[in-house]
Amino acid sequence: MAYSITIDLSARQLVLYHNGVPARFYPVGVGKMLTPTPAGTYYVATKRQNPGGPFGVMWLGLSIPHYGIHGTDNPASIGHYVSHGCIRMHNLDVLELSHLLPVGTPVTIKN
């Protein structure tokens, strides 16, 4: 089973692909104007449960240092331009995603 992720910054949506076919869609919060989420091609480099602070229940660290996909302690922020560049998800959504994705999963972030 090959998974990949595309994050559409303008739609504020994460799409999970399974074998090249869109399988799930999740709303996300992304970087604000002064601290935008960097577009590019990365991969899931680390997985850490209960990272603490504002990162919710799961941290999926990307291959670009200091950026990741994570839960949030502020669910009202999902769907908005609010972060310091990371991708925020509802805690249940990021947990679901973390159970499906192995380290090394490709992540494309586009404007």
Protein backbone atom coordinates (compact mmCIF):
# COMPACT_ATOMS: atom_id res chain seq x y z
CA MET A 1 0.00 0.00 0.00
CA ALA A 2 1.62 3.22 -1.14
CA TYR A 3 0.44 6.44 0.49
CA SER A 4 1.24 10.04 -0.32
CA ILE A 5 -0.07 13.41 0.82
CA THR A 6 -0.78 16.65 -1.00
CA ILE A 7 -1.48 19.81 0.97
CA ASP A 8 -3.26 22.57 -0.93
CA LEU A 9 -2.48 25.79 0.93
CA SER A 10 -5.07 27.94 -0.84
CA ALA A 11 -7.84 25.40 -0.17
CA ARG A 12 -6.45 24.66 3.31
CA GLN A 13 -6.93 20.97 2.65
CA LEU A 14 -4.81 17.84 3.03
CA VAL A 15 -5.51 15.02 0.60
CA LEU A 16 -4.37 11.50 1.42
CA TYR A 17 -3.68 9.40 -1.66
CA HIS A 18 -3.59 5.61 -1.66
CA ASN A 19 -1.93 4.13 -4.74
CA GLY A 20 -2.39 7.46 -6.54
CA VAL A 21 -6.13 7.70 -5.84
CA PRO A 22 -7.56 10.33 -3.44
CA ALA A 23 -8.71 8.37 -0.38
CA ARG A 24 -9.39 10.97 2.33
CA PHE A 25 -9.72 14.74 2.61
CA TYR A 26 -8.95 16.72 5.75
CA PRO A 27 -9.31 20.43 6.58
CA VAL A 28 -6.09 22.00 7.87
CA GLY A 29 -4.75 25.23 9.28
CA VAL A 30 -1.63 26.56 7.58
CA GLY A 31 0.96 29.31 7.93
CA LYS A 32 -0.06 32.94 8.17
CA MET A 33 1.29 35.66 5.86
CA LEU A 34 4.35 36.48 7.98
CA THR A 35 5.19 32.80 8.59
CA PRO A 36 3.95 30.92 5.50
CA THR A 37 3.99 27.17 5.06
CA PRO A 38 6.80 26.41 2.59
CA ALA A 39 5.67 24.90 -0.71
CA GLY A 40 7.74 22.00 -1.98
CA THR A 41 8.22 18.25 -1.92
CA TYR A 42 9.13 16.64 1.39
CA TYR A 43 8.52 13.41 3.29
CA VAL A 44 7.40 12.35 6.76
CA ALA A 45 10.69 12.12 8.65
CA THR A 46 9.50 11.47 12.23
CA LYS A 47 6.41 10.49 14.19
CA ARG A 48 5.97 11.47 17.82
CA GLN A 49 2.87 10.91 19.94
CA ASN A 50 1.86 13.48 22.59
CA PRO A 51 4.57 16.05 21.77
CA GLY A 52 3.13 18.52 24.29
CA GLY A 53 2.38 22.22 24.06
CA PRO A 54 0.14 23.44 21.25
CA PHE A 55 0.93 20.44 19.01
CA GLY A 56 -1.99 18.28 20.08
CA VAL A 57 -1.75 14.51 20.24
CA MET A 58 0.64 13.80 17.35
CA TRP A 59 3.62 15.33 15.53
CA LEU A 60 4.54 14.15 12.02
CA GLY A 61 7.85 15.90 11.43
CA LEU A 62 8.65 16.76 7.82
CA SER A 63 12.03 16.48 6.10
CA ILE A 64 12.32 20.28 6.26
CA PRO A 65 13.58 21.13 9.76
CA HIS A 66 11.12 22.69 12.24
CA TYR A 67 8.02 21.98 10.11
CA GLY A 68 5.44 19.29 10.56
CA ILE A 69 1.86 18.12 10.43
CA HIS A 70 0.39 18.08 13.91
CA GLY A 71 -2.71 18.18 16.05
CA THR A 72 -3.76 21.30 17.89
CA ASP A 73 -5.07 22.46 21.24
CA ASN A 74 -7.10 25.09 19.31
CA PRO A 75 -9.51 23.27 16.95
CA ALA A 76 -11.14 26.58 15.91
CA SER A 77 -7.90 27.41 14.06
CA ILE A 78 -8.43 24.62 11.50
CA GLY A 79 -9.31 26.01 8.07
CA HIS A 80 -7.45 29.29 8.59
CA TYR A 81 -4.06 30.91 7.98
CA VAL A 82 -2.87 30.81 11.59
CA SER A 83 0.32 28.83 12.16
CA HIS A 84 4.02 29.60 12.13
CA GLY A 85 4.32 27.45 9.00
CA CYS A 86 3.22 24.03 10.22
CA ILE A 87 0.10 22.21 9.10
CA ARG A 88 -2.49 21.90 11.87
CA MET A 89 -5.12 19.17 11.93
CA HIS A 90 -7.91 18.12 14.25
CA ASN A 91 -6.44 15.70 16.79
CA LEU A 92 -8.60 12.77 15.67
CA ASP A 93 -7.64 13.40 12.03
CA VAL A 94 -3.89 13.50 12.67
CA LEU A 95 -4.14 10.33 14.76
CA GLU A 96 -5.95 8.56 11.93
CA LEU A 97 -3.34 9.79 9.47
CA SER A 98 -0.44 8.74 11.70
CA HIS A 99 -1.74 5.17 11.92
CA LEU A 100 -1.81 4.90 8.12
CA LEU A 101 1.47 6.57 7.18
CA PRO A 102 4.94 5.17 7.59
CA VAL A 103 8.01 7.36 7.96
CA GLY A 104 9.14 8.18 4.43
CA THR A 105 5.67 8.97 3.07
CA PRO A 106 5.94 11.68 0.35
CA VAL A 107 4.37 15.07 1.17
CA THR A 108 3.75 17.71 -1.52
CA ILE A 109 2.80 21.21 -0.40
CA LYS A 110 1.43 23.49 -3.11
CA ASN A 111 0.11 27.05 -3.14
